[in-house]
Amino acid sequence: MARTLQLSLPQPRTWGGRRAGAGRKVTPGRRPGVPHRTRPAHIAAYPVHVTLRSGPTVRCLRCARVFPAVRRALAAASHGGFRIVHFSVRDDHLHVIVEADDTRALGRGLRGLAICVARAVNCALGRCGAVWGDRYHARALTSPRAVRHAIAYVLLNRRKHCAGERGLDPCSSAAAQGSCDGVATSISPGPTPERALDAHAGTRVK
């Protein structure tokens, strides 16, 4: 009679799969990137504060040669289902507050925005290649307080980066008088940022 052999259980894996400490490590001194996670569904009643950061080779979004092209790209990226309400351009990143009709409109609008601005920057600088260094960061503004704080952060962002700065930032929508699909198309002297802020303090979130 043949003897029955008992097979041993397979050894647990020691490589692959989800585990603590897995993945690419953050480079010392470098800002952590935006996680590659599924983005939450968008609710049309909530505006969204979006930040786009440029790569290490593009640090001049505010310069006289580039900013006019960036402003035109912002106007071109805004349409019926996706509206850019406020913006602020820094040397190496861009803040926008947007509204969108649904999740699909938000995703398509932000992809179109990133492409339009990247093409405008490359054209203005006479270069080719990637402009953005990471995925966009987005935060839904789910209360009137959050909306007001986001508007203050965007319109007064120059003061965060340049201590002692006062007055309107010419590279933002703070001093805008005209509009094109919700985006400022002209920069001219106007009220102080604080008064511009008070004008939006009554923004309602349904």
C-alpha atoms as a PDB file:
ATOM      1  CA  MET A   1       0.000   0.000   0.000  1.00  0.00           C
ATOM      2  CA  ALA A   2       1.416   3.384  -1.066  1.00  0.00           C
ATOM      3  CA  ARG A   3       2.214   5.825   1.673  1.00  0.00           C
ATOM      4  CA  THR A   4       0.384   9.160   1.626  1.00  0.00           C
ATOM      5  CA  LEU A   5       2.670  12.160   1.792  1.00  0.00           C
ATOM      6  CA  GLN A   6       1.449  15.311   3.451  1.00  0.00           C
ATOM      7  CA  LEU A   7       2.395  18.411   1.505  1.00  0.00           C
ATOM      8  CA  SER A   8       3.773  21.329   3.487  1.00  0.00           C
ATOM      9  CA  LEU A   9       1.961  24.638   3.438  1.00  0.00           C
ATOM     10  CA  PRO A  10       3.500  27.365   1.259  1.00  0.00           C
ATOM     11  CA  GLN A  11       5.731  29.815   3.069  1.00  0.00           C
ATOM     12  CA  PRO A  12       4.336  33.330   3.523  1.00  0.00           C
ATOM     13  CA  ARG A  13       5.575  35.840   0.978  1.00  0.00           C
ATOM     14  CA  THR A  14       8.256  38.231   2.105  1.00  0.00           C
ATOM     15  CA  TRP A  15       8.111  40.545  -0.918  1.00  0.00           C
ATOM     16  CA  GLY A  16       5.464  42.478  -2.871  1.00  0.00           C
ATOM     17  CA  GLY A  17       2.019  43.564  -1.792  1.00  0.00           C
ATOM     18  CA  ARG A  18       0.955  46.359   0.531  1.00  0.00           C
ATOM     19  CA  ARG A  19       3.149  46.812   3.580  1.00  0.00           C
ATOM     20  CA  ALA A  20       4.316  49.536   5.892  1.00  0.00           C
ATOM     21  CA  GLY A  21       7.087  51.684   4.436  1.00  0.00           C
ATOM     22  CA  ALA A  22       6.543  50.499   0.846  1.00  0.00           C
ATOM     23  CA  GLY A  23       6.746  52.823  -2.134  1.00  0.00           C
ATOM     24  CA  ARG A  24       9.042  55.569  -3.350  1.00  0.00           C
ATOM     25  CA  LYS A  25      10.712  57.483  -0.558  1.00  0.00           C
ATOM     26  CA  VAL A  26      10.509  61.270  -0.336  1.00  0.00           C
ATOM     27  CA  THR A  27      13.687  63.056  -1.401  1.00  0.00           C
ATOM     28  CA  PRO A  28      15.124  65.043   1.541  1.00  0.00           C
ATOM     29  CA  GLY A  29      14.296  68.720   1.199  1.00  0.00           C
ATOM     30  CA  ARG A  30      11.626  68.112  -1.443  1.00  0.00           C
ATOM     31  CA  ARG A  31       7.895  68.695  -1.019  1.00  0.00           C
ATOM     32  CA  PRO A  32       5.904  65.409  -0.897  1.00  0.00           C
ATOM     33  CA  GLY A  33       3.827  64.785  -4.009  1.00  0.00           C
ATOM     34  CA  VAL A  34       0.044  64.489  -4.245  1.00  0.00           C
ATOM     35  CA  PRO A  35      -0.969  60.850  -3.465  1.00  0.00           C
ATOM     36  CA  HIS A  36      -2.296  58.783  -6.376  1.00  0.00           C
ATOM     37  CA  ARG A  37      -5.682  58.073  -4.863  1.00  0.00           C
ATOM     38  CA  THR A  38      -9.176  58.088  -6.286  1.00  0.00           C
ATOM     39  CA  ARG A  39     -10.518  61.616  -6.001  1.00  0.00           C
ATOM     40  CA  PRO A  40     -13.880  62.052  -4.239  1.00  0.00           C
ATOM     41  CA  ALA A  41     -17.019  62.808  -6.230  1.00  0.00           C
ATOM     42  CA  HIS A  42     -17.610  66.503  -6.814  1.00  0.00           C
ATOM     43  CA  ILE A  43     -20.754  68.271  -5.582  1.00  0.00           C
ATOM     44  CA  ALA A  44     -21.740  71.188  -7.802  1.00  0.00           C
ATOM     45  CA  ALA A  45     -22.680  73.406  -4.832  1.00  0.00           C
ATOM     46  CA  TYR A  46     -19.119  73.326  -3.479  1.00  0.00           C
ATOM     47  CA  PRO A  47     -16.354  75.413  -5.087  1.00  0.00           C
ATOM     48  CA  VAL A  48     -12.902  73.806  -5.227  1.00  0.00           C
ATOM     49  CA  HIS A  49      -9.522  75.328  -4.354  1.00  0.00           C
ATOM     50  CA  VAL A  50      -6.920  73.892  -6.739  1.00  0.00           C
ATOM     51  CA  THR A  51      -3.127  74.247  -6.652  1.00  0.00           C
ATOM     52  CA  LEU A  52      -0.839  73.406  -9.586  1.00  0.00           C
ATOM     53  CA  ARG A  53       2.935  73.372  -9.009  1.00  0.00           C
ATOM     54  CA  SER A  54       5.479  73.705 -11.779  1.00  0.00           C
ATOM     55  CA  GLY A  55       8.554  71.551 -12.155  1.00  0.00           C
ATOM     56  CA  PRO A  56      12.107  72.608 -11.226  1.00  0.00           C
ATOM     57  CA  THR A  57      12.814  73.990 -14.713  1.00  0.00           C
ATOM     58  CA  VAL A  58       9.906  76.480 -14.747  1.00  0.00           C
ATOM     59  CA  ARG A  59      10.098  79.129 -12.018  1.00  0.00           C
ATOM     60  CA  CYS A  60       8.939  82.257 -13.832  1.00  0.00           C
ATOM     61  CA  LEU A  61       5.141  82.141 -14.157  1.00  0.00           C
ATOM     62  CA  ARG A  62       4.862  85.755 -12.916  1.00  0.00           C
ATOM     63  CA  CYS A  63       7.456  87.312 -15.212  1.00  0.00           C
ATOM     64  CA  ALA A  64       6.364  89.870 -17.803  1.00  0.00           C
ATOM     65  CA  ARG A  65       7.104  87.455 -20.626  1.00  0.00           C
ATOM     66  CA  VAL A  66       4.999  84.586 -19.275  1.00  0.00           C
ATOM     67  CA  PHE A  67       2.128  85.943 -17.152  1.00  0.00           C
ATOM     68  CA  PRO A  68       0.084  87.484 -20.026  1.00  0.00           C
ATOM     69  CA  ALA A  69       0.087  84.079 -21.747  1.00  0.00           C
ATOM     70  CA  VAL A  70      -0.933  82.363 -18.487  1.00  0.00           C
ATOM     71  CA  ARG A  71      -3.809  84.836 -18.018  1.00  0.00           C
ATOM     72  CA  ARG A  72      -5.087  84.215 -21.568  1.00  0.00           C
ATOM     73  CA  ALA A  73      -4.871  80.464 -20.977  1.00  0.00           C
ATOM     74  CA  LEU A  74      -6.953  80.814 -17.796  1.00  0.00           C
ATOM     75  CA  ALA A  75      -9.631  82.676 -19.746  1.00  0.00           C
ATOM     76  CA  ALA A  76      -9.606  80.051 -22.504  1.00  0.00           C
ATOM     77  CA  ALA A  77      -9.920  77.173 -20.003  1.00  0.00           C
ATOM     78  CA  SER A  78     -13.107  78.556 -18.416  1.00  0.00           C
ATOM     79  CA  HIS A  79     -16.412  77.579 -20.041  1.00  0.00           C
ATOM     80  CA  GLY A  80     -20.048  76.908 -19.228  1.00  0.00           C
ATOM     81  CA  GLY A  81     -19.636  73.736 -17.165  1.00  0.00           C
ATOM     82  CA  PHE A  82     -16.296  74.715 -15.613  1.00  0.00           C
ATOM     83  CA  ARG A  83     -15.736  78.226 -14.301  1.00  0.00           C
ATOM     84  CA  ILE A  84     -12.575  79.807 -12.877  1.00  0.00           C
ATOM     85  CA  VAL A  85     -13.759  82.253 -10.224  1.00  0.00           C
ATOM     86  CA  HIS A  86     -10.451  83.500  -8.765  1.00  0.00           C
ATOM     87  CA  PHE A  87      -6.772  82.934  -9.476  1.00  0.00           C
ATOM     88  CA  SER A  88      -3.343  83.871  -8.182  1.00  0.00           C
ATOM     89  CA  VAL A  89      -0.084  83.190 -10.023  1.00  0.00           C
ATOM     90  CA  ARG A  90       3.190  82.687  -8.162  1.00  0.00           C
ATOM     91  CA  ASP A  91       6.626  82.071  -9.655  1.00  0.00           C
ATOM     92  CA  ASP A  92       6.364  78.297  -9.331  1.00  0.00           C
ATOM     93  CA  HIS A  93       2.708  77.523  -8.676  1.00  0.00           C
ATOM     94  CA  LEU A  94      -0.834  78.558  -9.491  1.00  0.00           C
ATOM     95  CA  HIS A  95      -3.874  78.881  -7.216  1.00  0.00           C
ATOM     96  CA  VAL A  96      -7.404  78.821  -8.664  1.00  0.00           C
ATOM     97  CA  ILE A  97     -10.883  78.623  -7.180  1.00  0.00           C
ATOM     98  CA  VAL A  98     -13.204  76.880  -9.599  1.00  0.00           C
ATOM     99  CA  GLU A  99     -16.828  75.829  -9.913  1.00  0.00           C
ATOM    100  CA  ALA A 100     -18.016  72.828 -11.941  1.00  0.00           C
ATOM    101  CA  ASP A 101     -21.375  71.266 -12.744  1.00  0.00           C
ATOM    102  CA  ASP A 102     -20.364  67.699 -11.859  1.00  0.00           C
ATOM    103  CA  THR A 103     -17.406  65.366 -11.301  1.00  0.00           C
ATOM    104  CA  ARG A 104     -16.822  64.812 -15.013  1.00  0.00           C
ATOM    105  CA  ALA A 105     -16.871  68.539 -15.767  1.00  0.00           C
ATOM    106  CA  LEU A 106     -14.412  69.204 -12.926  1.00  0.00           C
ATOM    107  CA  GLY A 107     -11.960  66.534 -14.076  1.00  0.00           C
ATOM    108  CA  ARG A 108     -12.111  67.522 -17.738  1.00  0.00           C
ATOM    109  CA  GLY A 109     -11.918  71.216 -16.873  1.00  0.00           C
ATOM    110  CA  LEU A 110      -8.832  70.832 -14.692  1.00  0.00           C
ATOM    111  CA  ARG A 111      -7.079  68.666 -17.271  1.00  0.00           C
ATOM    112  CA  GLY A 112      -7.872  71.268 -19.921  1.00  0.00           C
ATOM    113  CA  LEU A 113      -6.639  74.038 -17.612  1.00  0.00           C
ATOM    114  CA  ALA A 114      -3.328  72.270 -16.996  1.00  0.00           C
ATOM    115  CA  ILE A 115      -2.819  71.628 -20.716  1.00  0.00           C
ATOM    116  CA  CYS A 116      -3.753  75.191 -21.781  1.00  0.00           C
ATOM    117  CA  VAL A 117      -1.427  76.818 -19.243  1.00  0.00           C
ATOM    118  CA  ALA A 118       1.435  74.408 -19.995  1.00  0.00           C
ATOM    119  CA  ARG A 119       1.198  75.102 -23.733  1.00  0.00           C
ATOM    120  CA  ALA A 120       1.038  78.850 -23.119  1.00  0.00           C
ATOM    121  CA  VAL A 121       4.110  78.761 -20.865  1.00  0.00           C
ATOM    122  CA  ASN A 122       6.117  76.667 -23.326  1.00  0.00           C
ATOM    123  CA  CYS A 123       5.140  78.955 -26.194  1.00  0.00           C
ATOM    124  CA  ALA A 124       6.086  82.097 -24.243  1.00  0.00           C
ATOM    125  CA  LEU A 125       9.461  80.641 -23.242  1.00  0.00           C
ATOM    126  CA  GLY A 126      10.186  78.967 -26.575  1.00  0.00           C
ATOM    127  CA  ARG A 127      10.686  75.597 -24.932  1.00  0.00           C
ATOM    128  CA  CYS A 128       9.142  72.148 -24.925  1.00  0.00           C
ATOM    129  CA  GLY A 129       8.648  69.533 -22.256  1.00  0.00           C
ATOM    130  CA  ALA A 130       6.737  69.122 -19.032  1.00  0.00           C
ATOM    131  CA  VAL A 131       5.699  72.222 -17.108  1.00  0.00           C
ATOM    132  CA  TRP A 132       3.942  70.746 -14.071  1.00  0.00           C
ATOM    133  CA  GLY A 133       5.926  68.797 -11.508  1.00  0.00           C
ATOM    134  CA  ASP A 134       3.021  66.934  -9.892  1.00  0.00           C
ATOM    135  CA  ARG A 135      -0.679  66.199  -9.995  1.00  0.00           C
ATOM    136  CA  TYR A 136      -2.986  69.023  -9.007  1.00  0.00           C
ATOM    137  CA  HIS A 137      -4.072  69.330  -5.385  1.00  0.00           C
ATOM    138  CA  ALA A 138      -7.793  69.973  -4.906  1.00  0.00           C
ATOM    139  CA  ARG A 139      -9.846  70.763  -1.808  1.00  0.00           C
ATOM    140  CA  ALA A 140     -13.624  71.150  -1.798  1.00  0.00           C
ATOM    141  CA  LEU A 141     -14.935  74.219   0.046  1.00  0.00           C
ATOM    142  CA  THR A 142     -17.915  72.836   1.903  1.00  0.00           C
ATOM    143  CA  SER A 143     -18.943  75.836   4.031  1.00  0.00           C
ATOM    144  CA  PRO A 144     -19.222  79.625   3.686  1.00  0.00           C
ATOM    145  CA  ARG A 145     -16.328  79.998   6.137  1.00  0.00           C
ATOM    146  CA  ALA A 146     -14.137  77.708   4.017  1.00  0.00           C
ATOM    147  CA  VAL A 147     -15.051  79.692   0.889  1.00  0.00           C
ATOM    148  CA  ARG A 148     -14.133  83.011   2.505  1.00  0.00           C
ATOM    149  CA  HIS A 149     -10.856  81.676   3.886  1.00  0.00           C
ATOM    150  CA  ALA A 150      -9.925  80.241   0.485  1.00  0.00           C
ATOM    151  CA  ILE A 151     -10.679  83.545  -1.263  1.00  0.00           C
ATOM    152  CA  ALA A 152      -8.554  85.360   1.324  1.00  0.00           C
ATOM    153  CA  TYR A 153      -5.724  82.870   0.863  1.00  0.00           C
ATOM    154  CA  VAL A 154      -5.772  83.179  -2.929  1.00  0.00           C
ATOM    155  CA  LEU A 155      -6.239  86.951  -3.253  1.00  0.00           C
ATOM    156  CA  LEU A 156      -3.738  87.780  -0.502  1.00  0.00           C
ATOM    157  CA  ASN A 157      -1.276  84.996  -1.331  1.00  0.00           C
ATOM    158  CA  ARG A 158       1.419  87.473  -2.311  1.00  0.00           C
ATOM    159  CA  ARG A 159       1.714  88.602   1.307  1.00  0.00           C
ATOM    160  CA  LYS A 160       2.515  85.043   2.377  1.00  0.00           C
ATOM    161  CA  HIS A 161       5.461  84.824  -0.003  1.00  0.00           C
ATOM    162  CA  CYS A 162       6.620  88.462   0.134  1.00  0.00           C
ATOM    163  CA  ALA A 163       6.674  89.879   3.649  1.00  0.00           C
ATOM    164  CA  GLY A 164       5.700  93.528   3.834  1.00  0.00           C
ATOM    165  CA  GLU A 165       3.847  93.581   0.518  1.00  0.00           C
ATOM    166  CA  ARG A 166       0.703  95.716   0.399  1.00  0.00           C
ATOM    167  CA  GLY A 167      -1.873  96.585  -2.235  1.00  0.00           C
ATOM    168  CA  LEU A 168      -3.279  94.511  -5.057  1.00  0.00           C
ATOM    169  CA  ASP A 169      -1.380  91.674  -6.641  1.00  0.00           C
ATOM    170  CA  PRO A 170      -1.172  92.378 -10.406  1.00  0.00           C
ATOM    171  CA  CYS A 171      -0.816  88.647 -11.097  1.00  0.00           C
ATOM    172  CA  SER A 172      -4.148  87.686  -9.537  1.00  0.00           C
ATOM    173  CA  SER A 173      -7.857  88.347  -9.935  1.00  0.00           C
ATOM    174  CA  ALA A 174      -7.867  90.705  -6.912  1.00  0.00           C
ATOM    175  CA  ALA A 175      -7.631  93.884  -8.982  1.00  0.00           C
ATOM    176  CA  ALA A 176      -9.592  92.691 -11.999  1.00  0.00           C
ATOM    177  CA  GLN A 177     -12.289  94.920 -13.460  1.00  0.00           C
ATOM    178  CA  GLY A 178     -13.385  92.994 -16.582  1.00  0.00           C
ATOM    179  CA  SER A 179     -14.231  89.327 -16.932  1.00  0.00           C
ATOM    180  CA  CYS A 180     -14.327  86.622 -19.556  1.00  0.00           C
ATOM    181  CA  ASP A 181     -16.167  83.430 -18.649  1.00  0.00           C
ATOM    182  CA  GLY A 182     -15.532  84.150 -14.991  1.00  0.00           C
ATOM    183  CA  VAL A 183     -11.828  84.901 -15.436  1.00  0.00           C
ATOM    184  CA  ALA A 184     -10.305  88.372 -15.209  1.00  0.00           C
ATOM    185  CA  THR A 185      -8.931  89.626 -18.513  1.00  0.00           C
ATOM    186  CA  SER A 186      -7.630  93.033 -17.436  1.00  0.00           C
ATOM    187  CA  ILE A 187      -5.544  94.149 -14.491  1.00  0.00           C
ATOM    188  CA  SER A 188      -6.038  97.710 -13.304  1.00  0.00           C
ATOM    189  CA  PRO A 189      -6.016  99.556  -9.949  1.00  0.00           C
ATOM    190  CA  GLY A 190      -9.085  98.920  -7.862  1.00  0.00           C
ATOM    191  CA  PRO A 191     -10.194  98.509  -4.253  1.00  0.00           C
ATOM    192  CA  THR A 192      -7.911  97.078  -1.585  1.00  0.00           C
ATOM    193  CA  PRO A 193      -7.847  93.282  -1.218  1.00  0.00           C
ATOM    194  CA  GLU A 194      -9.715  93.597   2.057  1.00  0.00           C
ATOM    195  CA  ARG A 195     -12.615  95.398   0.345  1.00  0.00           C
ATOM    196  CA  ALA A 196     -12.540  92.945  -2.525  1.00  0.00           C
ATOM    197  CA  LEU A 197     -12.732  90.204   0.097  1.00  0.00           C
ATOM    198  CA  ASP A 198     -15.707  91.812   1.813  1.00  0.00           C
ATOM    199  CA  ALA A 199     -17.524  91.856  -1.527  1.00  0.00           C
ATOM    200  CA  HIS A 200     -17.310  88.063  -1.577  1.00  0.00           C
ATOM    201  CA  ALA A 201     -17.975  87.472   2.100  1.00  0.00           C
ATOM    202  CA  GLY A 202     -21.608  86.710   1.348  1.00  0.00           C
ATOM    203  CA  THR A 203     -20.791  83.801  -0.955  1.00  0.00           C
ATOM    204  CA  ARG A 204     -23.333  81.092  -0.273  1.00  0.00           C
ATOM    205  CA  VAL A 205     -22.737  77.368  -0.366  1.00  0.00           C
ATOM    206  CA  LYS A 206     -25.917  75.428  -0.931  1.00  0.00           C
END
